[in-house]
C-alpha atoms as a PDB file:
ATOM      1  CA  MET A   1       3.975 -12.538  27.768  1.00  0.00           C
ATOM      2  CA  PRO A   2       1.305 -11.243  25.611  1.00  0.00           C
ATOM      3  CA  ARG A   3      -1.791  -8.789  26.999  1.00  0.00           C
ATOM      4  CA  PRO A   4      -4.672 -10.796  27.377  1.00  0.00           C
ATOM      5  CA  GLY A   5      -7.644 -10.018  24.862  1.00  0.00           C
ATOM      6  CA  LEU A   6      -5.816  -9.139  21.936  1.00  0.00           C
ATOM      7  CA  GLY A   7      -5.908 -12.112  20.454  1.00  0.00           C
ATOM      8  CA  ARG A   8      -3.379 -13.553  17.850  1.00  0.00           C
ATOM      9  CA  PRO A   9      -1.212 -11.347  15.400  1.00  0.00           C
ATOM     10  CA  ARG A  10      -2.619 -10.952  12.299  1.00  0.00           C
ATOM     11  CA  LYS A  11      -0.611 -12.721   9.605  1.00  0.00           C
ATOM     12  CA  LYS A  12      -2.637 -10.673   6.688  1.00  0.00           C
ATOM     13  CA  PRO A  13      -3.250  -7.200   5.730  1.00  0.00           C
ATOM     14  CA  ASP A  14      -6.932  -6.871   4.882  1.00  0.00           C
ATOM     15  CA  SER A  15      -6.572  -4.864   1.676  1.00  0.00           C
ATOM     16  CA  LEU A  16      -3.402  -3.948  -0.702  1.00  0.00           C
ATOM     17  CA  ALA A  17      -3.461  -1.046  -2.813  1.00  0.00           C
ATOM     18  CA  ALA A  18      -0.335  -0.915  -5.378  1.00  0.00           C
ATOM     19  CA  ASP A  19       1.032   0.846  -9.081  1.00  0.00           C
ATOM     20  CA  LYS A  20       0.709  -0.799 -12.259  1.00  0.00           C
ATOM     21  CA  ALA A  21       4.348  -2.258 -11.543  1.00  0.00           C
ATOM     22  CA  TYR A  22       2.145  -5.003  -9.613  1.00  0.00           C
ATOM     23  CA  SER A  23      -0.336  -5.449 -11.778  1.00  0.00           C
ATOM     24  CA  ASN A  24       0.897  -9.208 -12.927  1.00  0.00           C
ATOM     25  CA  GLY A  25      -1.284 -12.607 -12.700  1.00  0.00           C
ATOM     26  CA  LEU A  26       1.177 -14.123 -10.408  1.00  0.00           C
ATOM     27  CA  ILE A  27       0.819 -11.160  -7.284  1.00  0.00           C
ATOM     28  CA  ARG A  28      -3.250 -11.579  -8.140  1.00  0.00           C
ATOM     29  CA  GLU A  29      -3.397 -14.780  -7.853  1.00  0.00           C
ATOM     30  CA  TYR A  30      -1.181 -14.736  -5.099  1.00  0.00           C
ATOM     31  CA  LEU A  31      -3.146 -11.660  -3.404  1.00  0.00           C
ATOM     32  CA  ARG A  32      -6.290 -13.961  -4.777  1.00  0.00           C
ATOM     33  CA  ARG A  33      -4.938 -17.194  -2.747  1.00  0.00           C
ATOM     34  CA  ARG A  34      -4.475 -15.652   0.841  1.00  0.00           C
ATOM     35  CA  GLY A  35      -7.703 -13.563   0.798  1.00  0.00           C
ATOM     36  CA  ILE A  36      -6.192 -10.461   0.567  1.00  0.00           C
ATOM     37  CA  ARG A  37      -8.925  -7.639  -1.703  1.00  0.00           C
ATOM     38  CA  HIS A  38      -6.222  -5.689  -3.858  1.00  0.00           C
ATOM     39  CA  THR A  39      -6.588  -2.405  -5.829  1.00  0.00           C
ATOM     40  CA  ILE A  40      -4.020  -2.079  -8.651  1.00  0.00           C
ATOM     41  CA  PRO A  41      -4.494  -1.168 -11.918  1.00  0.00           C
ATOM     42  CA  GLU A  42      -4.494  -2.814 -15.131  1.00  0.00           C
ATOM     43  CA  LYS A  43      -1.238  -1.810 -17.447  1.00  0.00           C
ATOM     44  CA  ALA A  44      -2.793  -0.694 -20.787  1.00  0.00           C
ATOM     45  CA  ASP A  45      -0.420  -4.021 -22.984  1.00  0.00           C
ATOM     46  CA  SER A  46      -2.113  -6.606 -20.123  1.00  0.00           C
ATOM     47  CA  GLN A  47      -5.781  -4.841 -20.828  1.00  0.00           C
ATOM     48  CA  ALA A  48      -4.840  -4.709 -25.106  1.00  0.00           C
ATOM     49  CA  ALA A  49      -3.710  -8.423 -24.784  1.00  0.00           C
ATOM     50  CA  ARG A  50      -6.925  -9.535 -22.905  1.00  0.00           C
ATOM     51  CA  ILE A  51      -9.021  -7.488 -25.712  1.00  0.00           C
ATOM     52  CA  ARG A  52      -7.200  -8.593 -28.508  1.00  0.00           C
ATOM     53  CA  LYS A  53      -8.078 -12.350 -27.176  1.00  0.00           C
ATOM     54  CA  GLY A  54     -11.306 -11.848 -26.648  1.00  0.00           C
ATOM     55  CA  SER A  55     -13.462 -13.878 -24.455  1.00  0.00           C
ATOM     56  CA  ARG A  56     -10.538 -16.231 -23.723  1.00  0.00           C
ATOM     57  CA  GLY A  57      -8.956 -13.277 -22.358  1.00  0.00           C
ATOM     58  CA  GLY A  58     -10.918 -13.534 -19.028  1.00  0.00           C
ATOM     59  CA  ARG A  59     -12.823 -10.579 -17.471  1.00  0.00           C
ATOM     60  CA  PRO A  60     -11.539  -7.514 -16.123  1.00  0.00           C
ATOM     61  CA  PRO A  61      -9.336  -7.406 -12.606  1.00  0.00           C
ATOM     62  CA  GLY A  62     -11.586  -5.500 -10.525  1.00  0.00           C
ATOM     63  CA  PHE A  63     -10.745  -1.779  -9.930  1.00  0.00           C
ATOM     64  CA  ASP A  64     -11.969   0.542  -7.188  1.00  0.00           C
ATOM     65  CA  GLU A  65     -10.906   4.056  -7.990  1.00  0.00           C
ATOM     66  CA  TYR A  66     -11.348   5.795  -4.577  1.00  0.00           C
ATOM     67  CA  ARG A  67      -9.658   3.266  -3.005  1.00  0.00           C
ATOM     68  CA  TYR A  68      -6.637   3.571  -5.336  1.00  0.00           C
ATOM     69  CA  LYS A  69      -7.018   7.729  -5.378  1.00  0.00           C
ATOM     70  CA  LYS A  70      -6.401   6.961  -1.029  1.00  0.00           C
ATOM     71  CA  ARG A  71      -3.144   5.281  -1.804  1.00  0.00           C
ATOM     72  CA  ASN A  72      -1.898   8.118  -3.712  1.00  0.00           C
ATOM     73  CA  THR A  73      -2.836  10.834  -0.683  1.00  0.00           C
ATOM     74  CA  VAL A  74      -1.087   8.390   1.942  1.00  0.00           C
ATOM     75  CA  GLU A  75       1.921   8.275  -0.192  1.00  0.00           C
ATOM     76  CA  ARG A  76       2.144  11.803  -0.768  1.00  0.00           C
ATOM     77  CA  ALA A  77       1.901  12.501   2.943  1.00  0.00           C
ATOM     78  CA  ILE A  78       5.091   9.664   3.977  1.00  0.00           C
ATOM     79  CA  ASN A  79       6.980  11.985   1.071  1.00  0.00           C
ATOM     80  CA  ARG A  80       6.702  14.446   3.046  1.00  0.00           C
ATOM     81  CA  LEU A  81       7.379  13.163   6.111  1.00  0.00           C
ATOM     82  CA  LYS A  82      10.791  12.038   4.611  1.00  0.00           C
ATOM     83  CA  GLN A  83      11.566  15.683   3.751  1.00  0.00           C
ATOM     84  CA  SER A  84      12.806  15.454   7.376  1.00  0.00           C
ATOM     85  CA  ARG A  85      16.366  14.213   7.303  1.00  0.00           C
ATOM     86  CA  ALA A  86      15.770  12.166  10.605  1.00  0.00           C
ATOM     87  CA  VAL A  87      13.002  10.169   9.093  1.00  0.00           C
ATOM     88  CA  ALA A  88      14.363   9.710   5.689  1.00  0.00           C
ATOM     89  CA  THR A  89      17.788   8.014   7.318  1.00  0.00           C
ATOM     90  CA  ARG A  90      16.574   6.589  10.642  1.00  0.00           C
ATOM     91  CA  TYR A  91      19.374   6.145  12.184  1.00  0.00           C
ATOM     92  CA  ASP A  92      17.919   6.379  15.899  1.00  0.00           C
ATOM     93  CA  LYS A  93      18.093   2.466  17.732  1.00  0.00           C
ATOM     94  CA  ARG A  94      14.823   2.487  19.506  1.00  0.00           C
ATOM     95  CA  GLY A  95      11.268   1.736  17.776  1.00  0.00           C
ATOM     96  CA  TYR A  96      10.284   4.474  20.412  1.00  0.00           C
ATOM     97  CA  VAL A  97      12.675   7.200  19.745  1.00  0.00           C
ATOM     98  CA  PHE A  98      11.958   6.700  16.324  1.00  0.00           C
ATOM     99  CA  LEU A  99       7.878   6.710  16.586  1.00  0.00           C
ATOM    100  CA  GLY A 100       9.089  10.151  18.497  1.00  0.00           C
ATOM    101  CA  THR A 101      10.841  11.669  15.979  1.00  0.00           C
ATOM    102  CA  ALA A 102       7.740  10.454  12.869  1.00  0.00           C
ATOM    103  CA  THR A 103       5.648  12.323  15.117  1.00  0.00           C
ATOM    104  CA  ALA A 104       7.497  15.458  15.296  1.00  0.00           C
ATOM    105  CA  ALA A 105       7.681  15.340  12.139  1.00  0.00           C
ATOM    106  CA  ALA A 106       4.095  15.226  11.387  1.00  0.00           C
ATOM    107  CA  VAL A 107       3.307  18.057  13.937  1.00  0.00           C
ATOM    108  CA  ALA A 108       5.906  20.165  12.620  1.00  0.00           C
ATOM    109  CA  ILE A 109       4.326  19.121   8.910  1.00  0.00           C
ATOM    110  CA  TRP A 110       0.693  19.863  10.278  1.00  0.00           C
ATOM    111  CA  LEU A 111       2.123  23.139  11.913  1.00  0.00           C
ATOM    112  CA  ARG A 112       3.072  24.637   8.408  1.00  0.00           C
ATOM    113  CA  THR A 113      -0.438  24.174   6.152  1.00  0.00           C
END
């Protein structure tokens, strides 16, 4: 039974930050169609092709450097969590047990810093 006052569950994220591997036009178009803001750097060869086409190449996609730097911070934090074997292998069957394992690993990282 759903809890009152929470509304429908979300079906899409507010925004997405990805690396250059996801910078093709199909992915950007899909995200635009769904109304998902994205921060994806443009590949050097795609940028060169766009510039070579001149006015037919279109305008460059928007890129927010500050948001992309925050993505890097989150990625490094996840990699530090995965140094804990129990978090990386995820042998825990229940979600709440895994949450406790991940929380213990985060506390251990926090105490070490």
